[in-house]
C-alpha atoms as a PDB file:
ATOM      1  CA  MET A   1      53.727  11.628   3.537  1.00  0.00           C
ATOM      2  CA  MET A   2      54.120  11.604   7.221  1.00  0.00           C
ATOM      3  CA  GLY A   3      52.490  13.354  10.377  1.00  0.00           C
ATOM      4  CA  ARG A   4      52.475  11.287  13.221  1.00  0.00           C
ATOM      5  CA  GLY A   5      54.117  13.250  16.274  1.00  0.00           C
ATOM      6  CA  ASP A   6      53.606  14.644  19.471  1.00  0.00           C
ATOM      7  CA  GLY A   7      52.304  18.430  20.149  1.00  0.00           C
ATOM      8  CA  PRO A   8      53.894  21.427  21.195  1.00  0.00           C
ATOM      9  CA  GLY A   9      55.519  21.262  24.504  1.00  0.00           C
ATOM     10  CA  ALA A  10      56.787  17.625  24.919  1.00  0.00           C
ATOM     11  CA  GLY A  11      57.563  14.640  22.724  1.00  0.00           C
ATOM     12  CA  ALA A  12      56.276  11.494  23.449  1.00  0.00           C
ATOM     13  CA  ALA A  13      59.540  10.416  25.454  1.00  0.00           C
ATOM     14  CA  GLY A  14      59.189  13.733  27.257  1.00  0.00           C
ATOM     15  CA  GLY A  15      61.827  15.890  25.330  1.00  0.00           C
ATOM     16  CA  PRO A  16      61.525  18.625  23.039  1.00  0.00           C
ATOM     17  CA  SER A  17      58.754  18.358  20.223  1.00  0.00           C
ATOM     18  CA  ARG A  18      60.072  17.344  16.901  1.00  0.00           C
ATOM     19  CA  HIS A  19      56.827  16.490  15.091  1.00  0.00           C
ATOM     20  CA  VAL A  20      53.340  18.024  14.777  1.00  0.00           C
ATOM     21  CA  PRO A  21      50.467  15.440  14.294  1.00  0.00           C
ATOM     22  CA  VAL A  22      48.357  16.260  11.270  1.00  0.00           C
ATOM     23  CA  LEU A  23      44.573  17.072  11.386  1.00  0.00           C
ATOM     24  CA  LEU A  24      44.492  16.599  15.233  1.00  0.00           C
ATOM     25  CA  ALA A  25      41.478  18.694  15.970  1.00  0.00           C
ATOM     26  CA  GLU A  26      39.523  17.064  12.913  1.00  0.00           C
ATOM     27  CA  VAL A  27      40.603  13.575  13.874  1.00  0.00           C
ATOM     28  CA  GLY A  28      39.859  14.114  17.447  1.00  0.00           C
ATOM     29  CA  THR A  29      36.373  15.517  16.195  1.00  0.00           C
ATOM     30  CA  ALA A  30      35.811  12.502  13.859  1.00  0.00           C
ATOM     31  CA  LEU A  31      36.901   9.925  16.492  1.00  0.00           C
ATOM     32  CA  ASP A  32      34.653  11.442  19.354  1.00  0.00           C
ATOM     33  CA  ALA A  33      37.054  10.250  21.911  1.00  0.00           C
ATOM     34  CA  LYS A  34      35.726  12.905  24.514  1.00  0.00           C
ATOM     35  CA  ARG A  35      32.596  10.101  24.922  1.00  0.00           C
ATOM     36  CA  GLY A  36      35.125   7.709  26.581  1.00  0.00           C
ATOM     37  CA  GLY A  37      36.143   4.394  25.925  1.00  0.00           C
ATOM     38  CA  VAL A  38      38.839   1.893  24.018  1.00  0.00           C
ATOM     39  CA  PHE A  39      40.553   3.109  21.256  1.00  0.00           C
ATOM     40  CA  ILE A  40      43.315   1.675  18.819  1.00  0.00           C
ATOM     41  CA  ASP A  41      46.097   4.370  17.354  1.00  0.00           C
ATOM     42  CA  GLY A  42      47.472   2.058  14.807  1.00  0.00           C
ATOM     43  CA  THR A  43      50.162   4.287  13.881  1.00  0.00           C
ATOM     44  CA  PHE A  44      51.627   5.450  17.305  1.00  0.00           C
ATOM     45  CA  GLY A  45      54.661   7.495  15.512  1.00  0.00           C
ATOM     46  CA  ALA A  46      55.680   9.870  18.360  1.00  0.00           C
ATOM     47  CA  GLY A  47      52.411   9.393  20.059  1.00  0.00           C
ATOM     48  CA  GLY A  48      50.680  12.915  19.242  1.00  0.00           C
ATOM     49  CA  TYR A  49      47.175  10.906  18.208  1.00  0.00           C
ATOM     50  CA  THR A  50      47.646   8.597  21.575  1.00  0.00           C
ATOM     51  CA  ARG A  51      48.198  11.713  23.929  1.00  0.00           C
ATOM     52  CA  ALA A  52      45.369  13.604  22.523  1.00  0.00           C
ATOM     53  CA  ILE A  53      42.882  10.749  22.743  1.00  0.00           C
ATOM     54  CA  LEU A  54      44.043   9.919  26.413  1.00  0.00           C
ATOM     55  CA  ASP A  55      43.902  13.761  27.259  1.00  0.00           C
ATOM     56  CA  ALA A  56      40.198  13.886  25.997  1.00  0.00           C
ATOM     57  CA  HIS A  57      38.490  11.749  29.109  1.00  0.00           C
ATOM     58  CA  PRO A  58      40.051  10.561  31.886  1.00  0.00           C
ATOM     59  CA  GLN A  59      38.590   6.930  31.512  1.00  0.00           C
ATOM     60  CA  ASN A  60      40.058   6.493  27.727  1.00  0.00           C
ATOM     61  CA  ARG A  61      42.402   3.817  27.111  1.00  0.00           C
ATOM     62  CA  VAL A  62      44.463   3.193  24.059  1.00  0.00           C
ATOM     63  CA  ILE A  63      46.141   0.350  22.387  1.00  0.00           C
ATOM     64  CA  ALA A  64      49.057   2.010  20.489  1.00  0.00           C
ATOM     65  CA  ILE A  65      50.743   0.143  17.781  1.00  0.00           C
ATOM     66  CA  ASP A  66      53.744   0.254  15.786  1.00  0.00           C
ATOM     67  CA  ARG A  67      55.741  -1.768  13.765  1.00  0.00           C
ATOM     68  CA  ASP A  68      58.937   0.212  13.915  1.00  0.00           C
ATOM     69  CA  PRO A  69      61.170  -0.546  17.241  1.00  0.00           C
ATOM     70  CA  ASP A  70      62.314   3.108  17.263  1.00  0.00           C
ATOM     71  CA  ALA A  71      59.030   4.360  18.075  1.00  0.00           C
ATOM     72  CA  ILE A  72      58.003   1.803  20.587  1.00  0.00           C
ATOM     73  CA  ALA A  73      61.429   2.459  22.503  1.00  0.00           C
ATOM     74  CA  GLY A  74      60.628   6.327  22.050  1.00  0.00           C
ATOM     75  CA  GLY A  75      57.023   6.109  23.681  1.00  0.00           C
ATOM     76  CA  GLU A  76      57.877   4.050  26.915  1.00  0.00           C
ATOM     77  CA  ALA A  77      58.140   7.337  29.036  1.00  0.00           C
ATOM     78  CA  LEU A  78      54.475   7.726  28.029  1.00  0.00           C
ATOM     79  CA  SER A  79      53.308   4.433  28.606  1.00  0.00           C
ATOM     80  CA  VAL A  80      54.646   4.885  32.167  1.00  0.00           C
ATOM     81  CA  LYS A  81      53.021   8.049  32.559  1.00  0.00           C
ATOM     82  CA  PHE A  82      49.716   7.165  31.680  1.00  0.00           C
ATOM     83  CA  LYS A  83      50.126   3.344  33.382  1.00  0.00           C
ATOM     84  CA  LYS A  84      47.401   1.066  32.445  1.00  0.00           C
ATOM     85  CA  ARG A  85      45.479   3.585  30.348  1.00  0.00           C
ATOM     86  CA  LEU A  86      48.080   2.905  27.428  1.00  0.00           C
ATOM     87  CA  MET A  87      49.245  -0.442  26.111  1.00  0.00           C
ATOM     88  CA  LEU A  88      52.051   0.079  23.585  1.00  0.00           C
ATOM     89  CA  VAL A  89      52.431  -2.682  21.146  1.00  0.00           C
ATOM     90  CA  PRO A  90      54.801  -3.608  18.689  1.00  0.00           C
ATOM     91  CA  GLY A  91      53.048  -5.007  15.497  1.00  0.00           C
ATOM     92  CA  ARG A  92      51.576  -4.092  12.318  1.00  0.00           C
ATOM     93  CA  PHE A  93      48.325  -2.224  11.983  1.00  0.00           C
ATOM     94  CA  GLY A  94      46.893  -4.888   9.503  1.00  0.00           C
ATOM     95  CA  ASP A  95      46.593  -7.063  12.615  1.00  0.00           C
ATOM     96  CA  LEU A  96      44.963  -4.624  14.798  1.00  0.00           C
ATOM     97  CA  ASP A  97      41.711  -6.801  15.697  1.00  0.00           C
ATOM     98  CA  GLU A  98      44.543  -9.771  16.905  1.00  0.00           C
ATOM     99  CA  ILE A  99      46.283  -7.389  18.822  1.00  0.00           C
ATOM    100  CA  ALA A 100      43.180  -6.231  20.452  1.00  0.00           C
ATOM    101  CA  HIS A 101      41.972  -9.658  21.432  1.00  0.00           C
ATOM    102  CA  ALA A 102      45.346 -10.384  22.634  1.00  0.00           C
ATOM    103  CA  GLN A 103      45.044  -7.576  25.060  1.00  0.00           C
ATOM    104  CA  GLU A 104      41.630  -8.987  26.258  1.00  0.00           C
ATOM    105  CA  PHE A 105      39.355  -6.582  24.232  1.00  0.00           C
ATOM    106  CA  ASP A 106      36.392  -8.120  22.210  1.00  0.00           C
ATOM    107  CA  SER A 107      35.515  -4.578  20.696  1.00  0.00           C
ATOM    108  CA  VAL A 108      36.866  -1.014  20.616  1.00  0.00           C
ATOM    109  CA  ASP A 109      35.110   2.111  20.393  1.00  0.00           C
ATOM    110  CA  GLY A 110      37.516   3.860  17.677  1.00  0.00           C
ATOM    111  CA  VAL A 111      40.261   3.430  15.451  1.00  0.00           C
ATOM    112  CA  VAL A 112      42.902   6.042  14.360  1.00  0.00           C
ATOM    113  CA  LEU A 113      45.268   5.441  11.160  1.00  0.00           C
ATOM    114  CA  ASP A 114      47.691   7.950   9.978  1.00  0.00           C
ATOM    115  CA  ILE A 115      49.350   5.864   6.769  1.00  0.00           C
ATOM    116  CA  GLY A 116      52.768   6.596   5.515  1.00  0.00           C
ATOM    117  CA  VAL A 117      56.306   7.222   6.571  1.00  0.00           C
ATOM    118  CA  SER A 118      56.595   9.384  10.246  1.00  0.00           C
ATOM    119  CA  SER A 119      58.730  12.467  10.018  1.00  0.00           C
ATOM    120  CA  MET A 120      61.169  11.043  12.589  1.00  0.00           C
ATOM    121  CA  GLN A 121      61.925   7.973   9.956  1.00  0.00           C
ATOM    122  CA  LEU A 122      62.094  10.454   7.324  1.00  0.00           C
ATOM    123  CA  ASP A 123      64.546  12.985   9.225  1.00  0.00           C
ATOM    124  CA  GLN A 124      67.002  10.247  10.182  1.00  0.00           C
ATOM    125  CA  ALA A 125      69.341   9.635   7.035  1.00  0.00           C
ATOM    126  CA  GLU A 126      70.489   6.200   8.890  1.00  0.00           C
ATOM    127  CA  ARG A 127      66.983   4.822   8.155  1.00  0.00           C
ATOM    128  CA  GLY A 128      67.317   5.222   4.297  1.00  0.00           C
ATOM    129  CA  PHE A 129      64.059   6.674   3.920  1.00  0.00           C
ATOM    130  CA  SER A 130      65.172   9.921   2.255  1.00  0.00           C
ATOM    131  CA  PHE A 131      67.191  11.070  -0.661  1.00  0.00           C
ATOM    132  CA  ARG A 132      68.025  14.381   0.832  1.00  0.00           C
ATOM    133  CA  ASN A 133      70.795  13.175   3.389  1.00  0.00           C
ATOM    134  CA  GLU A 134      73.264  10.055   2.383  1.00  0.00           C
ATOM    135  CA  GLY A 135      72.712   7.033   4.094  1.00  0.00           C
ATOM    136  CA  PRO A 136      72.053   2.980   3.368  1.00  0.00           C
ATOM    137  CA  LEU A 137      69.464   2.360   0.717  1.00  0.00           C
ATOM    138  CA  ASP A 138      67.282   0.601   3.661  1.00  0.00           C
ATOM    139  CA  MET A 139      63.401   2.225   4.217  1.00  0.00           C
ATOM    140  CA  ARG A 140      62.523  -0.820   6.501  1.00  0.00           C
ATOM    141  CA  MET A 141      59.838   0.322   9.227  1.00  0.00           C
ATOM    142  CA  GLU A 142      60.556  -2.774  11.232  1.00  0.00           C
ATOM    143  CA  GLN A 143      64.224  -2.762  10.622  1.00  0.00           C
ATOM    144  CA  SER A 144      64.098  -6.414   9.602  1.00  0.00           C
ATOM    145  CA  GLY A 145      63.715  -8.154   6.392  1.00  0.00           C
ATOM    146  CA  PRO A 146      64.562  -7.330   2.790  1.00  0.00           C
ATOM    147  CA  SER A 147      65.371  -3.768   2.319  1.00  0.00           C
ATOM    148  CA  ALA A 148      65.161  -1.160  -0.458  1.00  0.00           C
ATOM    149  CA  ALA A 149      68.770  -2.189  -1.566  1.00  0.00           C
ATOM    150  CA  ASP A 150      67.723  -5.796  -1.854  1.00  0.00           C
ATOM    151  CA  LEU A 151      64.795  -5.035  -4.072  1.00  0.00           C
ATOM    152  CA  VAL A 152      67.062  -2.437  -6.239  1.00  0.00           C
ATOM    153  CA  ASN A 153      69.927  -5.113  -6.631  1.00  0.00           C
ATOM    154  CA  GLU A 154      67.726  -8.399  -7.068  1.00  0.00           C
ATOM    155  CA  SER A 155      64.522  -7.463  -9.004  1.00  0.00           C
ATOM    156  CA  SER A 156      63.903  -8.179 -12.438  1.00  0.00           C
ATOM    157  CA  GLU A 157      63.680  -4.937 -14.586  1.00  0.00           C
ATOM    158  CA  ALA A 158      60.255  -5.611 -15.182  1.00  0.00           C
ATOM    159  CA  GLU A 159      59.497  -5.781 -11.556  1.00  0.00           C
ATOM    160  CA  LEU A 160      61.180  -2.391 -10.709  1.00  0.00           C
ATOM    161  CA  ALA A 161      59.301  -0.732 -13.349  1.00  0.00           C
ATOM    162  CA  ASP A 162      56.054  -2.104 -12.067  1.00  0.00           C
ATOM    163  CA  ILE A 163      57.091  -0.685  -8.402  1.00  0.00           C
ATOM    164  CA  PHE A 164      58.182   2.496  -9.700  1.00  0.00           C
ATOM    165  CA  TYR A 165      55.399   3.002 -11.777  1.00  0.00           C
ATOM    166  CA  HIS A 166      52.188   1.137  -9.802  1.00  0.00           C
ATOM    167  CA  TYR A 167      53.450   2.472  -6.377  1.00  0.00           C
ATOM    168  CA  GLY A 168      55.721   5.424  -7.100  1.00  0.00           C
ATOM    169  CA  GLU A 169      53.538   6.741 -10.188  1.00  0.00           C
ATOM    170  CA  GLU A 170      56.528   7.451 -11.861  1.00  0.00           C
ATOM    171  CA  ARG A 171      55.906   8.186 -15.678  1.00  0.00           C
ATOM    172  CA  ARG A 172      59.402   7.187 -16.656  1.00  0.00           C
ATOM    173  CA  ALA A 173      59.541   4.141 -14.661  1.00  0.00           C
ATOM    174  CA  ARG A 174      60.799   1.833 -17.451  1.00  0.00           C
ATOM    175  CA  ALA A 175      63.623   4.055 -18.052  1.00  0.00           C
ATOM    176  CA  VAL A 176      64.652   4.184 -14.481  1.00  0.00           C
ATOM    177  CA  ALA A 177      64.215   0.614 -14.245  1.00  0.00           C
ATOM    178  CA  ARG A 178      66.463  -0.008 -17.260  1.00  0.00           C
ATOM    179  CA  ALA A 179      69.040   2.294 -15.835  1.00  0.00           C
ATOM    180  CA  VAL A 180      69.280   0.662 -12.684  1.00  0.00           C
ATOM    181  CA  ILE A 181      69.938  -2.752 -14.101  1.00  0.00           C
ATOM    182  CA  GLU A 182      72.684  -1.454 -16.106  1.00  0.00           C
ATOM    183  CA  ALA A 183      73.958   0.488 -12.930  1.00  0.00           C
ATOM    184  CA  ARG A 184      74.020  -2.375 -10.537  1.00  0.00           C
ATOM    185  CA  ARG A 185      76.348  -4.667 -13.095  1.00  0.00           C
ATOM    186  CA  ARG A 186      79.010  -2.190 -12.458  1.00  0.00           C
ATOM    187  CA  GLN A 187      78.156  -1.548  -8.619  1.00  0.00           C
ATOM    188  CA  PRO A 188      75.392  -2.646  -6.231  1.00  0.00           C
ATOM    189  CA  PHE A 189      73.365   0.136  -4.882  1.00  0.00           C
ATOM    190  CA  GLU A 190      74.317   0.823  -1.347  1.00  0.00           C
ATOM    191  CA  THR A 191      73.532   4.160  -0.518  1.00  0.00           C
ATOM    192  CA  THR A 192      70.482   6.302  -0.733  1.00  0.00           C
ATOM    193  CA  ARG A 193      72.662   9.225  -2.832  1.00  0.00           C
ATOM    194  CA  GLN A 194      73.663   6.445  -5.328  1.00  0.00           C
ATOM    195  CA  LEU A 195      70.059   6.118  -6.496  1.00  0.00           C
ATOM    196  CA  ALA A 196      69.004   9.656  -6.330  1.00  0.00           C
ATOM    197  CA  ASP A 197      71.797  10.882  -8.355  1.00  0.00           C
ATOM    198  CA  LEU A 198      71.144   8.139 -11.143  1.00  0.00           C
ATOM    199  CA  VAL A 199      67.281   9.002 -11.061  1.00  0.00           C
ATOM    200  CA  ALA A 200      68.211  12.861 -11.189  1.00  0.00           C
ATOM    201  CA  SER A 201      70.508  11.906 -14.332  1.00  0.00           C
ATOM    202  CA  LEU A 202      67.217  10.789 -16.233  1.00  0.00           C
ATOM    203  CA  ILE A 203      64.550  12.824 -15.054  1.00  0.00           C
ATOM    204  CA  ARG A 204      64.120  16.716 -14.654  1.00  0.00           C
ATOM    205  CA  GLN A 205      63.310  18.849 -11.874  1.00  0.00           C
ATOM    206  CA  GLU A 206      59.826  19.657 -11.769  1.00  0.00           C
ATOM    207  CA  PRO A 207      58.906  23.511 -11.349  1.00  0.00           C
ATOM    208  CA  SER A 208      57.110  22.541  -8.446  1.00  0.00           C
ATOM    209  CA  GLY A 209      60.670  21.803  -7.009  1.00  0.00           C
ATOM    210  CA  ILE A 210      59.929  18.066  -6.363  1.00  0.00           C
ATOM    211  CA  HIS A 211      63.173  16.263  -6.443  1.00  0.00           C
ATOM    212  CA  PRO A 212      63.301  13.973  -9.500  1.00  0.00           C
ATOM    213  CA  ALA A 213      63.780  10.829  -7.294  1.00  0.00           C
ATOM    214  CA  THR A 214      60.623  11.520  -5.011  1.00  0.00           C
ATOM    215  CA  ARG A 215      58.401   8.922  -6.743  1.00  0.00           C
ATOM    216  CA  VAL A 216      60.654   6.300  -7.238  1.00  0.00           C
ATOM    217  CA  PHE A 217      61.878   6.418  -3.327  1.00  0.00           C
ATOM    218  CA  GLN A 218      58.031   6.344  -2.842  1.00  0.00           C
ATOM    219  CA  GLY A 219      57.467   3.250  -4.961  1.00  0.00           C
ATOM    220  CA  LEU A 220      60.494   1.218  -3.149  1.00  0.00           C
ATOM    221  CA  ARG A 221      59.224   2.159   0.453  1.00  0.00           C
ATOM    222  CA  ILE A 222      55.776   1.186  -0.476  1.00  0.00           C
ATOM    223  CA  ALA A 223      56.929  -2.084  -1.786  1.00  0.00           C
ATOM    224  CA  VAL A 224      59.443  -2.514   0.986  1.00  0.00           C
ATOM    225  CA  ASN A 225      56.818  -2.069   3.761  1.00  0.00           C
ATOM    226  CA  ASP A 226      53.861  -3.745   1.680  1.00  0.00           C
ATOM    227  CA  GLU A 227      51.997  -0.200   3.003  1.00  0.00           C
ATOM    228  CA  LEU A 228      48.972  -0.942   0.580  1.00  0.00           C
ATOM    229  CA  GLY A 229      48.645  -4.469   1.605  1.00  0.00           C
ATOM    230  CA  GLU A 230      48.816  -3.430   5.296  1.00  0.00           C
ATOM    231  CA  LEU A 231      46.350  -0.589   4.723  1.00  0.00           C
ATOM    232  CA  ALA A 232      43.953  -3.010   3.231  1.00  0.00           C
ATOM    233  CA  ARG A 233      44.110  -5.754   5.838  1.00  0.00           C
ATOM    234  CA  ALA A 234      43.608  -2.650   8.667  1.00  0.00           C
ATOM    235  CA  LEU A 235      40.545  -1.221   6.970  1.00  0.00           C
ATOM    236  CA  HIS A 236      39.026  -4.722   7.263  1.00  0.00           C
ATOM    237  CA  ALA A 237      40.517  -5.490  10.669  1.00  0.00           C
ATOM    238  CA  ALA A 238      38.930  -2.248  11.994  1.00  0.00           C
ATOM    239  CA  GLU A 239      35.530  -3.475  10.704  1.00  0.00           C
ATOM    240  CA  ARG A 240      35.868  -6.727  12.664  1.00  0.00           C
ATOM    241  CA  ILE A 241      37.025  -4.791  15.695  1.00  0.00           C
ATOM    242  CA  LEU A 242      34.654  -1.912  15.976  1.00  0.00           C
ATOM    243  CA  LYS A 243      31.206  -2.034  18.066  1.00  0.00           C
ATOM    244  CA  PRO A 244      28.163  -0.488  16.685  1.00  0.00           C
ATOM    245  CA  GLY A 245      28.882   3.298  16.838  1.00  0.00           C
ATOM    246  CA  GLY A 246      32.693   3.001  16.819  1.00  0.00           C
ATOM    247  CA  ARG A 247      34.742   5.104  14.623  1.00  0.00           C
ATOM    248  CA  LEU A 248      37.203   4.248  11.807  1.00  0.00           C
ATOM    249  CA  VAL A 249      39.283   7.724  11.095  1.00  0.00           C
ATOM    250  CA  VAL A 250      41.830   7.476   8.187  1.00  0.00           C
ATOM    251  CA  VAL A 251      44.537  10.243   7.465  1.00  0.00           C
ATOM    252  CA  THR A 252      46.212   9.209   3.927  1.00  0.00           C
ATOM    253  CA  PHE A 253      48.841  11.454   2.358  1.00  0.00           C
ATOM    254  CA  HIS A 254      48.905  10.459  -1.233  1.00  0.00           C
ATOM    255  CA  SER A 255      46.429   9.334  -3.928  1.00  0.00           C
ATOM    256  CA  LEU A 256      47.037   5.396  -3.917  1.00  0.00           C
ATOM    257  CA  GLU A 257      46.348   5.416  -0.215  1.00  0.00           C
ATOM    258  CA  ASP A 258      43.224   7.650  -0.665  1.00  0.00           C
ATOM    259  CA  ARG A 259      41.526   5.797  -3.295  1.00  0.00           C
ATOM    260  CA  ILE A 260      41.737   2.631  -1.351  1.00  0.00           C
ATOM    261  CA  VAL A 261      40.091   4.565   1.968  1.00  0.00           C
ATOM    262  CA  LYS A 262      37.597   5.954  -0.487  1.00  0.00           C
ATOM    263  CA  GLN A 263      36.660   2.659  -2.156  1.00  0.00           C
ATOM    264  CA  PHE A 264      36.314   0.820   0.987  1.00  0.00           C
ATOM    265  CA  PHE A 265      33.874   3.516   2.398  1.00  0.00           C
ATOM    266  CA  ALA A 266      32.056   3.836  -0.399  1.00  0.00           C
ATOM    267  CA  SER A 267      31.267   0.140  -0.383  1.00  0.00           C
ATOM    268  CA  ARG A 268      30.861  -0.261   3.178  1.00  0.00           C
ATOM    269  CA  THR A 269      28.465   2.880   3.314  1.00  0.00           C
ATOM    270  CA  GLY A 270      26.358   1.729   0.389  1.00  0.00           C
ATOM    271  CA  ARG A 271      27.463   4.224  -1.804  1.00  0.00           C
ATOM    272  CA  ALA A 272      29.571   2.227  -4.180  1.00  0.00           C
ATOM    273  CA  PRO A 273      27.333   1.401  -7.477  1.00  0.00           C
ATOM    274  CA  THR A 274      26.462  -2.339  -7.655  1.00  0.00           C
ATOM    275  CA  GLY A 275      25.437  -2.731 -11.393  1.00  0.00           C
ATOM    276  CA  SER A 276      25.930  -1.383 -14.670  1.00  0.00           C
ATOM    277  CA  ARG A 277      24.015  -0.409 -17.407  1.00  0.00           C
ATOM    278  CA  HIS A 278      24.715  -3.617 -19.152  1.00  0.00           C
ATOM    279  CA  LEU A 279      23.637  -5.534 -16.038  1.00  0.00           C
ATOM    280  CA  PRO A 280      20.752  -5.670 -13.589  1.00  0.00           C
ATOM    281  CA  THR A 281      21.565  -3.786  -9.994  1.00  0.00           C
ATOM    282  CA  ALA A 282      22.702  -6.199  -7.657  1.00  0.00           C
ATOM    283  CA  GLU A 283      20.960  -6.049  -4.019  1.00  0.00           C
ATOM    284  CA  ALA A 284      23.552  -4.173  -2.305  1.00  0.00           C
ATOM    285  CA  PRO A 285      24.416  -5.575   1.281  1.00  0.00           C
ATOM    286  CA  GLU A 286      23.458  -3.723   4.325  1.00  0.00           C
ATOM    287  CA  PRO A 287      26.433  -0.968   5.347  1.00  0.00           C
ATOM    288  CA  THR A 288      28.742  -1.776   7.698  1.00  0.00           C
ATOM    289  CA  PHE A 289      29.511   1.990   8.276  1.00  0.00           C
ATOM    290  CA  ASP A 290      27.939   5.135   8.166  1.00  0.00           C
ATOM    291  CA  ALA A 291      29.717   8.073   6.621  1.00  0.00           C
ATOM    292  CA  ILE A 292      30.849  10.568   8.822  1.00  0.00           C
ATOM    293  CA  THR A 293      32.829  12.964   6.436  1.00  0.00           C
ATOM    294  CA  ARG A 294      30.950  13.090   2.825  1.00  0.00           C
ATOM    295  CA  GLY A 295      34.371  13.397   1.198  1.00  0.00           C
ATOM    296  CA  PRO A 296      37.774  14.088   2.463  1.00  0.00           C
ATOM    297  CA  ILE A 297      38.761  16.518   4.818  1.00  0.00           C
ATOM    298  CA  ALA A 298      41.865  18.728   4.117  1.00  0.00           C
ATOM    299  CA  PRO A 299      44.007  20.990   6.270  1.00  0.00           C
ATOM    300  CA  THR A 300      43.371  24.352   6.978  1.00  0.00           C
ATOM    301  CA  GLU A 301      45.662  27.068   5.337  1.00  0.00           C
ATOM    302  CA  GLN A 302      47.031  27.787   8.661  1.00  0.00           C
ATOM    303  CA  GLU A 303      48.078  24.440   9.475  1.00  0.00           C
ATOM    304  CA  MET A 304      49.747  23.985   6.142  1.00  0.00           C
ATOM    305  CA  ALA A 305      51.703  27.345   6.773  1.00  0.00           C
ATOM    306  CA  ARG A 306      52.568  25.818  10.476  1.00  0.00           C
ATOM    307  CA  ASN A 307      53.346  22.380   8.992  1.00  0.00           C
ATOM    308  CA  PRO A 308      54.422  22.044   5.191  1.00  0.00           C
ATOM    309  CA  ARG A 309      54.145  18.172   5.455  1.00  0.00           C
ATOM    310  CA  ALA A 310      50.734  18.464   6.060  1.00  0.00           C
ATOM    311  CA  ARG A 311      49.661  19.756   2.773  1.00  0.00           C
ATOM    312  CA  SER A 312      48.527  16.581   0.975  1.00  0.00           C
ATOM    313  CA  ALA A 313      46.589  15.208   3.809  1.00  0.00           C
ATOM    314  CA  LYS A 314      43.169  13.795   3.470  1.00  0.00           C
ATOM    315  CA  LEU A 315      41.029  12.519   6.386  1.00  0.00           C
ATOM    316  CA  ARG A 316      38.259  10.152   5.884  1.00  0.00           C
ATOM    317  CA  ALA A 317      35.817   8.775   8.439  1.00  0.00           C
ATOM    318  CA  GLY A 318      32.794   6.357   9.375  1.00  0.00           C
ATOM    319  CA  ALA A 319      30.929   5.127  12.150  1.00  0.00           C
ATOM    320  CA  ARG A 320      30.280   1.210  12.546  1.00  0.00           C
ATOM    321  CA  THR A 321      26.693   0.002  12.087  1.00  0.00           C
ATOM    322  CA  ASP A 322      25.167  -3.319  13.755  1.00  0.00           C
ATOM    323  CA  THR A 323      25.826  -5.121  10.539  1.00  0.00           C
ATOM    324  CA  PRO A 324      27.920  -8.079  10.887  1.00  0.00           C
ATOM    325  CA  ALA A 325      31.299  -7.610   9.244  1.00  0.00           C
ATOM    326  CA  GLN A 326      31.757  -8.574   5.598  1.00  0.00           C
ATOM    327  CA  GLU A 327      34.218 -10.753   3.657  1.00  0.00           C
ATOM    328  CA  PRO A 328      37.334  -8.440   2.560  1.00  0.00           C
ATOM    329  CA  LEU A 329      36.741  -6.787  -0.485  1.00  0.00           C
ATOM    330  CA  SER A 330      38.402  -7.778  -3.803  1.00  0.00           C
ATOM    331  CA  ALA A 331      38.490  -4.777  -5.264  1.00  0.00           C
ATOM    332  CA  ILE A 332      40.376  -3.192  -2.232  1.00  0.00           C
ATOM    333  CA  THR A 333      43.023  -6.045  -2.370  1.00  0.00           C
ATOM    334  CA  MET A 334      43.789  -5.727  -5.868  1.00  0.00           C
ATOM    335  CA  LEU A 335      44.258  -2.018  -5.654  1.00  0.00           C
ATOM    336  CA  ALA A 336      47.191  -2.704  -2.877  1.00  0.00           C
ATOM    337  CA  GLU A 337      48.791  -5.293  -5.302  1.00  0.00           C
ATOM    338  CA  LEU A 338      51.052  -4.935  -8.179  1.00  0.00           C
ATOM    339  CA  PRO A 339      49.418  -6.087 -11.505  1.00  0.00           C
ATOM    340  CA  GLN A 340      50.769  -9.265 -12.570  1.00  0.00           C
ATOM    341  CA  THR A 341      53.404  -8.594 -15.643  1.00  0.00           C
ATOM    342  CA  ALA A 342      54.342 -11.185 -18.162  1.00  0.00           C
ATOM    343  CA  GLU A 343      57.362 -11.836 -16.564  1.00  0.00           C
ATOM    344  CA  LYS A 344      55.805 -12.833 -13.343  1.00  0.00           C
ATOM    345  CA  LYS A 345      53.379 -14.849 -15.187  1.00  0.00           C
ATOM    346  CA  GLY A 346      55.940 -16.964 -16.358  1.00  0.00           C
ATOM    347  CA  GLY A 347      56.677 -15.184 -19.708  1.00  0.00           C
ATOM    348  CA  ARG A 348      59.938 -14.057 -21.366  1.00  0.00           C
ATOM    349  CA  ARG A 349      62.964 -12.879 -19.252  1.00  0.00           C
END
């Protein structure tokens, strides 16, 4: 669930390349950065997409956003190189329209979002995103606020089960949540290894080789960083800030993200159903986007061979029409939220 990074030759900070941006050529084509303009890279990472946009046209300008202080610090050399053409801004991409306004832009020509955790975050044990190397159970992209350890040690059994099931798509979510509650009574969870070992004791290794803790860690990471909520807000913010003809390009890495993006574009391009066999068809609003992709674009076999982390990536894109931005879609917001359990509604404890 990553892919942000720089291309061959140099990293964003001028050092050796550590990461390969996923679907780079396809993103460039969908974004049409060669036409020139102002673009937002909502997930700067190591600067792979930003560099490609800046290289695509000598007049291109990029507002690059990242909530991770390490990414902002790592991009300073790139910012110096491109001077006034690159505006590197700490923040959340869910606020990308407000960030653009703060940079004195009323509209932009394109927005690209690469959703999920970056390779840099995953590969640094001290960030606590991965179970493969022991580190603190952290997972905070902004390096502030409640951590994964806080969630694991303080949430109720029902809340943990919801996180593991709905955000992690873990079938044995209830069993894992129950085991977490029992284990934390003896000792609070502090490291990634503690949690990974507990999950591995309950869930068999899959034939595909996926680690038993993969889905539990995914669910926690999404919950800690409100990733799906940020994605929903970013899609609506992009609709508000893009000028007519502007492009929105989104790369996702798992089904939860892709479902939100798919439904957003289906609704905003007029492809979503507006009625049912029981009710008359409602009059559909004018589309705010024209579809650029008629379905997801996946990496080629060659790219997946070069970069196995690209194997689950999907790209969807649309071009903004001149129809005014609509109110946020409640269906999209609901997809990003955990269902309300009986316990959360004030039921039994």
